[in-house]
Amino acid sequence: MKYILIAISFLVSMPLAWAQIPQADNSKIDSVAFANAEWSVTELGKGAVAMYARIPMFNSTQSICVVRYPLRRYRTEILHRPEDQAGKPSEIGKEVGARFALNAGYFHVKERIPSVRFKKDGEILGYTDPTELYRVDALMGFKDKNGRKVMIKQAQDTTLYDEVDAKWRSSLASGPLLILDGEIVVPLLMGDKTDRANVRTQYSSAQFYDKRHPRAAFGTDDKGYAYLVVIDGRFKGQADGTSIYETAHVCHLLGMTDAINLDGGGSTTLWTAQTGVINHPYDNRKFDHDGERSVPNLIVVY
C-alpha cells in the first residue's frame, strides 16, 4: 500500500480543541502531539482520504486510523448480516462492492446477531439487550436512502427509540455518545459507577469506560464530512488503546462535532478497497492486518 507522509493540513489549520475539554493532566501536550503528528495519507478519490499515525498520547502509544469522506459524494449504509451471513469487514466489503467498511454495533459473538436495536428501511431487526444499557445510550442512523443525512442522537431510554428515529430510514443503537454539538459528553473517569441495568455484563462500567481497549467510532463535522475511526489497542508499547474519554478526545481533535462509540475490542476493523485493512485488528493477537473477526453489522460506504 502506498502512503504519503504529511502533517494533515486540516488538523494543523484547525484551532486546537483542547481548551474546550475538561483537562486531564497532559491534555494540552497530547493535543499538540496529535496536531504535529506525521500522518500516512492515501487519497481515496472524490475528496476522501485514509490516514494512519502512531502518536505518543495519554502517556502511551496510540495507533490511529481514520477514513474521512464527504457525505454528499458517497452513499453510506448500515449493513445487517446476522448469523451465517456474518463475515470479516474486508470480505463483506469486497462482496458488496463497497469503498470503505467499518465494524458497527455490539453483538452476541457466539450467535452473531446484534445485541442492540437495529432498524433497516423501517423494519426493526434487533432489540437492545438489558446487558448493553451501561454503554448504549444513543442512536445513529440516516434519514435518507443514500445515507447523506446523518443523525446521531442521545437515547438512553429504550422505550423512546421509536420517537427519536421515527423519521429515519435506518438506525443503530450504540454508545456511549462521545460528542454532541461540538462538546465531549462522556466523563473523564467513570470510576466504580454501577451499571445502569444492574445486571451482569462482560465489563463493569469502570472496566469498559476507564481501561484502554481497541475502539471504533463514527462521527461527522460541520463541513459535511463523515469519519470512520479506529484506535488499535492491547499491543503494549505499539498500540495501547484508549479509554472512552480518550476516544472522545481523539474524535474531537479530528474536528468532529458529533460522534458515537461503536463496538470495539477484537471486532475493531477499518478497511478500504484501495488499501485493504488499515488498522491492526486484535483477534489474532498479532500486530498485523490479518486479525479480523466476523461481525454481523457494518457501516459500509459506496
C-alpha atoms as a PDB file:
ATOM      1  CA  MET A   1       0.000   0.000   0.000  1.00  0.00           C
ATOM      2  CA  LYS A   2       1.386   3.427  -0.919  1.00  0.00           C
ATOM      3  CA  TYR A   3       1.225   6.312   1.514  1.00  0.00           C
ATOM      4  CA  ILE A   4       2.435   9.899   1.563  1.00  0.00           C
ATOM      5  CA  LEU A   5       3.849  11.188   4.848  1.00  0.00           C
ATOM      6  CA  ILE A   6       2.455  14.618   5.659  1.00  0.00           C
ATOM      7  CA  ALA A   7       1.144  16.633   8.559  1.00  0.00           C
ATOM      8  CA  ILE A   8      -2.603  16.840   7.946  1.00  0.00           C
ATOM      9  CA  SER A   9      -3.374  20.398   6.825  1.00  0.00           C
ATOM     10  CA  PHE A  10      -6.961  20.422   8.061  1.00  0.00           C
ATOM     11  CA  LEU A  11      -5.734  19.453  11.520  1.00  0.00           C
ATOM     12  CA  VAL A  12      -2.909  21.958  11.640  1.00  0.00           C
ATOM     13  CA  SER A  13      -5.059  24.821  10.345  1.00  0.00           C
ATOM     14  CA  MET A  14      -7.892  23.985  12.745  1.00  0.00           C
ATOM     15  CA  PRO A  15      -7.842  25.710  16.167  1.00  0.00           C
ATOM     16  CA  LEU A  16      -6.772  23.168  18.771  1.00  0.00           C
ATOM     17  CA  ALA A  17      -9.824  21.879  20.633  1.00  0.00           C
ATOM     18  CA  TRP A  18      -8.113  21.056  23.914  1.00  0.00           C
ATOM     19  CA  ALA A  19      -9.101  24.342  25.549  1.00  0.00           C
ATOM     20  CA  GLN A  20     -12.766  23.318  25.373  1.00  0.00           C
ATOM     21  CA  ILE A  21     -12.213  19.918  27.013  1.00  0.00           C
ATOM     22  CA  PRO A  22     -12.192  19.216  30.773  1.00  0.00           C
ATOM     23  CA  GLN A  23      -8.454  18.865  31.177  1.00  0.00           C
ATOM     24  CA  ALA A  24      -6.591  15.717  32.023  1.00  0.00           C
ATOM     25  CA  ASP A  25      -3.076  16.446  33.312  1.00  0.00           C
ATOM     26  CA  ASN A  26      -1.404  16.154  29.914  1.00  0.00           C
ATOM     27  CA  SER A  27      -4.264  17.060  27.582  1.00  0.00           C
ATOM     28  CA  LYS A  28      -2.525  20.125  26.151  1.00  0.00           C
ATOM     29  CA  ILE A  29       0.619  18.083  25.439  1.00  0.00           C
ATOM     30  CA  ASP A  30      -1.486  15.316  23.902  1.00  0.00           C
ATOM     31  CA  SER A  31      -3.350  17.767  21.675  1.00  0.00           C
ATOM     32  CA  VAL A  32      -0.132  19.348  20.413  1.00  0.00           C
ATOM     33  CA  ALA A  33       1.374  15.906  19.748  1.00  0.00           C
ATOM     34  CA  PHE A  34      -1.752  14.986  17.795  1.00  0.00           C
ATOM     35  CA  ALA A  35      -1.735  18.138  15.670  1.00  0.00           C
ATOM     36  CA  ASN A  36       2.004  17.820  14.915  1.00  0.00           C
ATOM     37  CA  ALA A  37       1.954  14.104  14.115  1.00  0.00           C
ATOM     38  CA  GLU A  38       3.177  12.809  10.772  1.00  0.00           C
ATOM     39  CA  TRP A  39       0.264  11.030   9.170  1.00  0.00           C
ATOM     40  CA  SER A  40       0.447   8.468   6.395  1.00  0.00           C
ATOM     41  CA  VAL A  41      -2.225   9.554   3.930  1.00  0.00           C
ATOM     42  CA  THR A  42      -3.794   7.809   0.952  1.00  0.00           C
ATOM     43  CA  GLU A  43      -6.117   9.701  -1.384  1.00  0.00           C
ATOM     44  CA  LEU A  44      -9.215   7.576  -1.951  1.00  0.00           C
ATOM     45  CA  GLY A  45     -10.938   9.712  -4.571  1.00  0.00           C
ATOM     46  CA  LYS A  46     -13.835  12.170  -4.548  1.00  0.00           C
ATOM     47  CA  GLY A  47     -12.374  14.050  -1.569  1.00  0.00           C
ATOM     48  CA  ALA A  48     -11.891  11.030   0.717  1.00  0.00           C
ATOM     49  CA  VAL A  49      -8.636  10.165   2.480  1.00  0.00           C
ATOM     50  CA  ALA A  50      -7.350   7.286   4.598  1.00  0.00           C
ATOM     51  CA  MET A  51      -4.964   8.332   7.371  1.00  0.00           C
ATOM     52  CA  TYR A  52      -2.736   6.480   9.802  1.00  0.00           C
ATOM     53  CA  ALA A  53      -0.407   7.680  12.568  1.00  0.00           C
ATOM     54  CA  ARG A  54       1.286   6.371  15.676  1.00  0.00           C
ATOM     55  CA  ILE A  55       1.304   9.179  18.222  1.00  0.00           C
ATOM     56  CA  PRO A  56       2.666   9.479  21.772  1.00  0.00           C
ATOM     57  CA  MET A  57      -0.512  10.432  23.629  1.00  0.00           C
ATOM     58  CA  PHE A  58      -2.015   9.785  27.072  1.00  0.00           C
ATOM     59  CA  ASN A  59       1.402   8.612  28.352  1.00  0.00           C
ATOM     60  CA  SER A  60       1.164   5.734  25.868  1.00  0.00           C
ATOM     61  CA  THR A  61       1.487   4.908  22.169  1.00  0.00           C
ATOM     62  CA  GLN A  62      -1.640   5.360  20.099  1.00  0.00           C
ATOM     63  CA  SER A  63      -2.167   3.749  16.685  1.00  0.00           C
ATOM     64  CA  ILE A  64      -4.953   5.735  14.990  1.00  0.00           C
ATOM     65  CA  CYS A  65      -6.651   5.058  11.642  1.00  0.00           C
ATOM     66  CA  VAL A  66      -9.208   7.341  10.015  1.00  0.00           C
ATOM     67  CA  VAL A  67     -11.213   7.454   6.810  1.00  0.00           C
ATOM     68  CA  ARG A  68     -12.617  10.946   6.213  1.00  0.00           C
ATOM     69  CA  TYR A  69     -15.043  11.408   3.322  1.00  0.00           C
ATOM     70  CA  PRO A  70     -17.587  13.964   2.041  1.00  0.00           C
ATOM     71  CA  LEU A  71     -21.062  12.609   2.696  1.00  0.00           C
ATOM     72  CA  ARG A  72     -22.582  14.211  -0.405  1.00  0.00           C
ATOM     73  CA  ARG A  73     -20.235  12.339  -2.741  1.00  0.00           C
ATOM     74  CA  TYR A  74     -20.702   8.860  -1.284  1.00  0.00           C
ATOM     75  CA  ARG A  75     -23.527   6.537  -0.261  1.00  0.00           C
ATOM     76  CA  THR A  76     -23.431   5.202   3.312  1.00  0.00           C
ATOM     77  CA  GLU A  77     -25.489   2.466   4.919  1.00  0.00           C
ATOM     78  CA  ILE A  78     -25.602   0.222   7.955  1.00  0.00           C
ATOM     79  CA  LEU A  79     -25.390  -3.327   6.668  1.00  0.00           C
ATOM     80  CA  HIS A  80     -27.214  -6.116   8.519  1.00  0.00           C
ATOM     81  CA  ARG A  81     -25.509  -9.528   8.106  1.00  0.00           C
ATOM     82  CA  PRO A  82     -26.533 -11.814  11.008  1.00  0.00           C
ATOM     83  CA  GLU A  83     -25.669 -15.430  11.737  1.00  0.00           C
ATOM     84  CA  ASP A  84     -24.212 -17.276   8.685  1.00  0.00           C
ATOM     85  CA  GLN A  85     -24.250 -14.034   6.687  1.00  0.00           C
ATOM     86  CA  ALA A  86     -21.726 -12.525   9.090  1.00  0.00           C
ATOM     87  CA  GLY A  87     -18.176 -12.096   7.873  1.00  0.00           C
ATOM     88  CA  LYS A  88     -14.961 -10.153   8.109  1.00  0.00           C
ATOM     89  CA  PRO A  89     -15.303  -6.483   7.113  1.00  0.00           C
ATOM     90  CA  SER A  90     -12.789  -6.879   4.266  1.00  0.00           C
ATOM     91  CA  GLU A  91     -14.651  -9.883   2.857  1.00  0.00           C
ATOM     92  CA  ILE A  92     -18.091  -8.314   3.121  1.00  0.00           C
ATOM     93  CA  GLY A  93     -16.803  -5.006   1.788  1.00  0.00           C
ATOM     94  CA  LYS A  94     -15.450  -6.714  -1.322  1.00  0.00           C
ATOM     95  CA  GLU A  95     -18.597  -8.821  -1.702  1.00  0.00           C
ATOM     96  CA  VAL A  96     -20.960  -5.832  -1.745  1.00  0.00           C
ATOM     97  CA  GLY A  97     -18.672  -3.591  -3.785  1.00  0.00           C
ATOM     98  CA  ALA A  98     -18.070  -1.054  -1.004  1.00  0.00           C
ATOM     99  CA  ARG A  99     -15.299   1.534  -0.995  1.00  0.00           C
ATOM    100  CA  PHE A 100     -14.885   1.549   2.809  1.00  0.00           C
ATOM    101  CA  ALA A 101     -16.155  -0.584   5.690  1.00  0.00           C
ATOM    102  CA  LEU A 102     -16.081  -0.346   9.489  1.00  0.00           C
ATOM    103  CA  ASN A 103     -17.447  -2.784  12.054  1.00  0.00           C
ATOM    104  CA  ALA A 104     -20.535  -1.306  13.691  1.00  0.00           C
ATOM    105  CA  GLY A 105     -22.769  -2.374  16.582  1.00  0.00           C
ATOM    106  CA  TYR A 106     -22.450  -4.657  19.607  1.00  0.00           C
ATOM    107  CA  PHE A 107     -23.473  -8.268  19.081  1.00  0.00           C
ATOM    108  CA  HIS A 108     -23.687 -11.720  20.628  1.00  0.00           C
ATOM    109  CA  VAL A 109     -20.382 -13.228  19.495  1.00  0.00           C
ATOM    110  CA  LYS A 110     -21.445 -16.876  19.531  1.00  0.00           C
ATOM    111  CA  GLU A 111     -24.748 -16.387  17.691  1.00  0.00           C
ATOM    112  CA  ARG A 112     -23.503 -13.461  15.565  1.00  0.00           C
ATOM    113  CA  ILE A 113     -26.692 -11.490  15.993  1.00  0.00           C
ATOM    114  CA  PRO A 114     -26.974  -7.868  17.134  1.00  0.00           C
ATOM    115  CA  SER A 115     -27.390  -7.241  20.864  1.00  0.00           C
ATOM    116  CA  VAL A 116     -28.721  -3.742  20.157  1.00  0.00           C
ATOM    117  CA  ARG A 117     -31.711  -2.293  18.359  1.00  0.00           C
ATOM    118  CA  PHE A 118     -31.329  -2.176  14.604  1.00  0.00           C
ATOM    119  CA  LYS A 119     -33.736  -0.635  12.089  1.00  0.00           C
ATOM    120  CA  LYS A 120     -33.399  -1.004   8.328  1.00  0.00           C
ATOM    121  CA  ASP A 121     -35.862   0.557   5.865  1.00  0.00           C
ATOM    122  CA  GLY A 122     -38.321   0.997   8.712  1.00  0.00           C
ATOM    123  CA  GLU A 123     -38.184  -2.662   9.823  1.00  0.00           C
ATOM    124  CA  ILE A 124     -36.948  -3.470  13.342  1.00  0.00           C
ATOM    125  CA  LEU A 125     -34.320  -6.227  13.062  1.00  0.00           C
ATOM    126  CA  GLY A 126     -32.942  -6.333  16.599  1.00  0.00           C
ATOM    127  CA  TYR A 127     -33.517  -5.109  20.131  1.00  0.00           C
ATOM    128  CA  THR A 128     -31.223  -3.720  22.803  1.00  0.00           C
ATOM    129  CA  ASP A 129     -30.375  -6.338  25.410  1.00  0.00           C
ATOM    130  CA  PRO A 130     -30.550  -5.079  29.032  1.00  0.00           C
ATOM    131  CA  THR A 131     -26.900  -6.109  29.488  1.00  0.00           C
ATOM    132  CA  GLU A 132     -25.895  -3.384  26.998  1.00  0.00           C
ATOM    133  CA  LEU A 133     -27.502  -0.468  28.827  1.00  0.00           C
ATOM    134  CA  TYR A 134     -24.359   0.504  30.727  1.00  0.00           C
ATOM    135  CA  ARG A 135     -22.833   1.708  27.441  1.00  0.00           C
ATOM    136  CA  VAL A 136     -25.634   2.024  24.864  1.00  0.00           C
ATOM    137  CA  ASP A 137     -27.175   5.486  25.219  1.00  0.00           C
ATOM    138  CA  ALA A 138     -27.657   6.806  21.680  1.00  0.00           C
ATOM    139  CA  LEU A 139     -28.905   6.150  18.162  1.00  0.00           C
ATOM    140  CA  MET A 140     -27.052   6.769  14.924  1.00  0.00           C
ATOM    141  CA  GLY A 141     -28.601   6.496  11.514  1.00  0.00           C
ATOM    142  CA  PHE A 142     -29.690   8.100   8.276  1.00  0.00           C
ATOM    143  CA  LYS A 143     -32.840   9.957   7.294  1.00  0.00           C
ATOM    144  CA  ASP A 144     -32.411   9.312   3.579  1.00  0.00           C
ATOM    145  CA  LYS A 145     -31.855   6.338   1.283  1.00  0.00           C
ATOM    146  CA  ASN A 146     -28.304   7.345   0.337  1.00  0.00           C
ATOM    147  CA  GLY A 147     -27.075   7.896   3.885  1.00  0.00           C
ATOM    148  CA  ARG A 148     -26.144  11.540   3.383  1.00  0.00           C
ATOM    149  CA  LYS A 149     -28.347  12.934   6.149  1.00  0.00           C
ATOM    150  CA  VAL A 150     -26.609  11.532   9.206  1.00  0.00           C
ATOM    151  CA  MET A 151     -28.329  11.574  12.581  1.00  0.00           C
ATOM    152  CA  ILE A 152     -26.640  10.986  15.959  1.00  0.00           C
ATOM    153  CA  LYS A 153     -28.971  11.485  18.926  1.00  0.00           C
ATOM    154  CA  GLN A 154     -28.959  10.645  22.612  1.00  0.00           C
ATOM    155  CA  ALA A 155     -31.442   7.895  23.510  1.00  0.00           C
ATOM    156  CA  GLN A 156     -30.888   6.427  26.958  1.00  0.00           C
ATOM    157  CA  ASP A 157     -34.484   5.254  27.326  1.00  0.00           C
ATOM    158  CA  THR A 158     -35.108   2.296  25.013  1.00  0.00           C
ATOM    159  CA  THR A 159     -38.862   2.949  25.115  1.00  0.00           C
ATOM    160  CA  LEU A 160     -38.227   6.234  23.272  1.00  0.00           C
ATOM    161  CA  TYR A 161     -36.318   4.763  20.330  1.00  0.00           C
ATOM    162  CA  ASP A 162     -39.386   4.875  18.077  1.00  0.00           C
ATOM    163  CA  GLU A 163     -39.907   8.536  18.918  1.00  0.00           C
ATOM    164  CA  VAL A 164     -36.275   9.540  18.352  1.00  0.00           C
ATOM    165  CA  ASP A 165     -35.831   7.792  14.985  1.00  0.00           C
ATOM    166  CA  ALA A 166     -39.427   7.951  13.744  1.00  0.00           C
ATOM    167  CA  LYS A 167     -38.432   9.793  10.547  1.00  0.00           C
ATOM    168  CA  TRP A 168     -35.153   7.971   9.966  1.00  0.00           C
ATOM    169  CA  ARG A 169     -34.800   5.344   7.250  1.00  0.00           C
ATOM    170  CA  SER A 170     -32.264   3.309   9.225  1.00  0.00           C
ATOM    171  CA  SER A 171     -30.737   3.374  12.697  1.00  0.00           C
ATOM    172  CA  LEU A 172     -28.468   1.521  15.096  1.00  0.00           C
ATOM    173  CA  ALA A 173     -28.367   1.784  18.871  1.00  0.00           C
ATOM    174  CA  SER A 174     -24.831   2.148  20.176  1.00  0.00           C
ATOM    175  CA  GLY A 175     -22.743   4.175  22.554  1.00  0.00           C
ATOM    176  CA  PRO A 176     -21.658   5.767  24.592  1.00  0.00           C
ATOM    177  CA  LEU A 177     -22.321   9.043  22.816  1.00  0.00           C
ATOM    178  CA  LEU A 178     -18.920  10.748  22.625  1.00  0.00           C
ATOM    179  CA  ILE A 179     -19.536  14.221  21.193  1.00  0.00           C
ATOM    180  CA  LEU A 180     -22.771  16.170  20.738  1.00  0.00           C
ATOM    181  CA  ASP A 181     -22.966  19.631  19.158  1.00  0.00           C
ATOM    182  CA  GLY A 182     -19.207  20.025  19.425  1.00  0.00           C
ATOM    183  CA  GLU A 183     -18.902  19.141  23.118  1.00  0.00           C
ATOM    184  CA  ILE A 184     -17.481  15.988  24.675  1.00  0.00           C
ATOM    185  CA  VAL A 185     -20.299  14.391  26.682  1.00  0.00           C
ATOM    186  CA  VAL A 186     -18.592  11.439  28.406  1.00  0.00           C
ATOM    187  CA  PRO A 187     -16.952  11.675  31.852  1.00  0.00           C
ATOM    188  CA  LEU A 188     -13.186  11.824  32.240  1.00  0.00           C
ATOM    189  CA  LEU A 189     -13.433   8.774  34.520  1.00  0.00           C
ATOM    190  CA  MET A 190     -16.389   6.552  35.282  1.00  0.00           C
ATOM    191  CA  GLY A 191     -14.916   5.093  38.477  1.00  0.00           C
ATOM    192  CA  ASP A 192     -16.944   2.375  40.184  1.00  0.00           C
ATOM    193  CA  LYS A 193     -20.308   3.601  38.947  1.00  0.00           C
ATOM    194  CA  THR A 194     -22.886   0.807  38.988  1.00  0.00           C
ATOM    195  CA  ASP A 195     -24.163  -0.397  35.625  1.00  0.00           C
ATOM    196  CA  ARG A 196     -27.444   1.260  34.764  1.00  0.00           C
ATOM    197  CA  ALA A 197     -29.195  -2.043  34.126  1.00  0.00           C
ATOM    198  CA  ASN A 198     -27.834  -3.566  37.359  1.00  0.00           C
ATOM    199  CA  VAL A 199     -27.217  -6.842  35.545  1.00  0.00           C
ATOM    200  CA  ARG A 200     -24.152  -8.959  34.913  1.00  0.00           C
ATOM    201  CA  THR A 201     -22.207  -7.688  31.891  1.00  0.00           C
ATOM    202  CA  GLN A 202     -18.962  -8.563  30.143  1.00  0.00           C
ATOM    203  CA  TYR A 203     -17.325  -5.491  31.695  1.00  0.00           C
ATOM    204  CA  SER A 204     -18.141  -3.319  34.647  1.00  0.00           C
ATOM    205  CA  SER A 205     -18.727   0.307  33.705  1.00  0.00           C
ATOM    206  CA  ALA A 206     -15.297   1.236  35.060  1.00  0.00           C
ATOM    207  CA  GLN A 207     -13.560  -1.522  33.087  1.00  0.00           C
ATOM    208  CA  PHE A 208     -15.287  -0.540  29.848  1.00  0.00           C
ATOM    209  CA  TYR A 209     -15.064   3.244  30.211  1.00  0.00           C
ATOM    210  CA  ASP A 210     -11.758   3.755  32.035  1.00  0.00           C
ATOM    211  CA  LYS A 211      -9.483   0.932  30.860  1.00  0.00           C
ATOM    212  CA  ARG A 212      -7.800   1.095  27.473  1.00  0.00           C
ATOM    213  CA  HIS A 213      -9.146  -1.100  24.689  1.00  0.00           C
ATOM    214  CA  PRO A 214      -9.259  -1.073  20.876  1.00  0.00           C
ATOM    215  CA  ARG A 215     -12.018   1.361  19.907  1.00  0.00           C
ATOM    216  CA  ALA A 216     -14.142   2.228  16.869  1.00  0.00           C
ATOM    217  CA  ALA A 217     -16.201   5.371  16.324  1.00  0.00           C
ATOM    218  CA  PHE A 218     -18.311   7.129  13.714  1.00  0.00           C
ATOM    219  CA  GLY A 219     -18.865  10.866  13.525  1.00  0.00           C
ATOM    220  CA  THR A 220     -19.446  13.959  11.428  1.00  0.00           C
ATOM    221  CA  ASP A 221     -18.235  17.551  11.344  1.00  0.00           C
ATOM    222  CA  ASP A 222     -19.910  20.833  10.425  1.00  0.00           C
ATOM    223  CA  LYS A 223     -18.313  20.855   6.954  1.00  0.00           C
ATOM    224  CA  GLY A 224     -20.201  17.843   5.606  1.00  0.00           C
ATOM    225  CA  TYR A 225     -17.603  15.144   6.251  1.00  0.00           C
ATOM    226  CA  ALA A 226     -18.041  11.773   7.934  1.00  0.00           C
ATOM    227  CA  TYR A 227     -15.315   9.941   9.840  1.00  0.00           C
ATOM    228  CA  LEU A 228     -14.691   6.218  10.306  1.00  0.00           C
ATOM    229  CA  VAL A 229     -12.227   5.908  13.178  1.00  0.00           C
ATOM    230  CA  VAL A 230     -10.305   3.013  14.682  1.00  0.00           C
ATOM    231  CA  ILE A 231      -7.813   3.148  17.539  1.00  0.00           C
ATOM    232  CA  ASP A 232      -5.777  -0.049  17.905  1.00  0.00           C
ATOM    233  CA  GLY A 233      -5.202  -1.499  21.351  1.00  0.00           C
ATOM    234  CA  ARG A 234      -3.936  -4.305  23.597  1.00  0.00           C
ATOM    235  CA  PHE A 235      -0.475  -4.231  21.976  1.00  0.00           C
ATOM    236  CA  LYS A 236       1.666  -2.848  24.773  1.00  0.00           C
ATOM    237  CA  GLY A 237       4.094  -0.201  23.583  1.00  0.00           C
ATOM    238  CA  GLN A 238       2.890  -0.469  19.989  1.00  0.00           C
ATOM    239  CA  ALA A 239      -0.805   0.354  20.286  1.00  0.00           C
ATOM    240  CA  ASP A 240      -2.038   0.730  23.847  1.00  0.00           C
ATOM    241  CA  GLY A 241      -5.661   1.640  23.101  1.00  0.00           C
ATOM    242  CA  THR A 242      -7.801   4.327  24.694  1.00  0.00           C
ATOM    243  CA  SER A 243     -10.375   4.850  27.390  1.00  0.00           C
ATOM    244  CA  ILE A 244     -13.782   6.129  26.329  1.00  0.00           C
ATOM    245  CA  TYR A 245     -12.885   9.698  27.259  1.00  0.00           C
ATOM    246  CA  GLU A 246      -9.592   9.442  25.371  1.00  0.00           C
ATOM    247  CA  THR A 247     -11.507   8.137  22.358  1.00  0.00           C
ATOM    248  CA  ALA A 248     -13.778  11.184  22.531  1.00  0.00           C
ATOM    249  CA  HIS A 249     -10.710  13.430  22.827  1.00  0.00           C
ATOM    250  CA  VAL A 250      -9.234  11.967  19.630  1.00  0.00           C
ATOM    251  CA  CYS A 251     -12.548  12.412  17.769  1.00  0.00           C
ATOM    252  CA  HIS A 252     -12.782  15.997  18.996  1.00  0.00           C
ATOM    253  CA  LEU A 253      -9.257  16.766  17.802  1.00  0.00           C
ATOM    254  CA  LEU A 254     -10.147  15.365  14.379  1.00  0.00           C
ATOM    255  CA  GLY A 255     -12.810  18.071  14.171  1.00  0.00           C
ATOM    256  CA  MET A 256     -15.965  16.066  14.747  1.00  0.00           C
ATOM    257  CA  THR A 257     -18.989  17.883  16.106  1.00  0.00           C
ATOM    258  CA  ASP A 258     -20.999  14.690  16.699  1.00  0.00           C
ATOM    259  CA  ALA A 259     -19.564  11.231  17.355  1.00  0.00           C
ATOM    260  CA  ILE A 260     -20.638   7.878  18.740  1.00  0.00           C
ATOM    261  CA  ASN A 261     -18.661   4.914  20.024  1.00  0.00           C
ATOM    262  CA  LEU A 262     -19.153   1.587  18.230  1.00  0.00           C
ATOM    263  CA  ASP A 263     -18.232  -1.997  19.057  1.00  0.00           C
ATOM    264  CA  GLY A 264     -14.513  -2.242  19.840  1.00  0.00           C
ATOM    265  CA  GLY A 265     -12.179  -4.904  21.180  1.00  0.00           C
ATOM    266  CA  GLY A 266     -11.474  -7.778  18.805  1.00  0.00           C
ATOM    267  CA  SER A 267     -14.141  -6.585  16.363  1.00  0.00           C
ATOM    268  CA  THR A 268     -12.341  -3.311  15.602  1.00  0.00           C
ATOM    269  CA  THR A 269     -11.551  -3.197  11.867  1.00  0.00           C
ATOM    270  CA  LEU A 270     -11.297  -0.439   9.253  1.00  0.00           C
ATOM    271  CA  TRP A 271     -10.964  -1.465   5.591  1.00  0.00           C
ATOM    272  CA  THR A 272     -10.879   0.301   2.245  1.00  0.00           C
ATOM    273  CA  ALA A 273     -10.916  -1.244  -1.226  1.00  0.00           C
ATOM    274  CA  GLN A 274      -7.770   0.689  -2.110  1.00  0.00           C
ATOM    275  CA  THR A 275      -5.619  -0.015   0.948  1.00  0.00           C
ATOM    276  CA  GLY A 276      -7.041  -3.195   2.429  1.00  0.00           C
ATOM    277  CA  VAL A 277      -7.306  -3.379   6.230  1.00  0.00           C
ATOM    278  CA  ILE A 278      -5.681  -0.208   7.583  1.00  0.00           C
ATOM    279  CA  ASN A 279      -5.559  -0.961  11.282  1.00  0.00           C
ATOM    280  CA  HIS A 280      -4.199  -3.861  13.325  1.00  0.00           C
ATOM    281  CA  PRO A 281      -7.213  -5.972  14.397  1.00  0.00           C
ATOM    282  CA  TYR A 282      -6.633  -7.755  17.682  1.00  0.00           C
ATOM    283  CA  ASP A 283      -8.467 -11.040  17.171  1.00  0.00           C
ATOM    284  CA  ASN A 284      -5.296 -12.961  16.181  1.00  0.00           C
ATOM    285  CA  ARG A 285      -3.223 -11.269  18.934  1.00  0.00           C
ATOM    286  CA  LYS A 286      -0.632 -10.150  16.356  1.00  0.00           C
ATOM    287  CA  PHE A 287       0.282  -6.589  15.383  1.00  0.00           C
ATOM    288  CA  ASP A 288      -0.567  -7.112  11.724  1.00  0.00           C
ATOM    289  CA  HIS A 289      -3.537  -6.593   9.403  1.00  0.00           C
ATOM    290  CA  ASP A 290      -4.855 -10.156   9.457  1.00  0.00           C
ATOM    291  CA  GLY A 291      -6.717 -10.443  12.762  1.00  0.00           C
ATOM    292  CA  GLU A 292     -10.257  -9.611  11.603  1.00  0.00           C
ATOM    293  CA  ARG A 293     -13.296 -11.017  13.395  1.00  0.00           C
ATOM    294  CA  SER A 294     -16.551 -11.913  11.662  1.00  0.00           C
ATOM    295  CA  VAL A 295     -19.218  -9.353  12.502  1.00  0.00           C
ATOM    296  CA  PRO A 296     -22.986  -9.220  11.797  1.00  0.00           C
ATOM    297  CA  ASN A 297     -23.304  -5.498  11.077  1.00  0.00           C
ATOM    298  CA  LEU A 298     -21.091  -2.875   9.470  1.00  0.00           C
ATOM    299  CA  ILE A 299     -21.056   0.690   8.247  1.00  0.00           C
ATOM    300  CA  VAL A 300     -20.296   0.463   4.553  1.00  0.00           C
ATOM    301  CA  VAL A 301     -19.618   3.314   2.138  1.00  0.00           C
ATOM    302  CA  TYR A 302     -20.021   3.124  -1.657  1.00  0.00           C
END
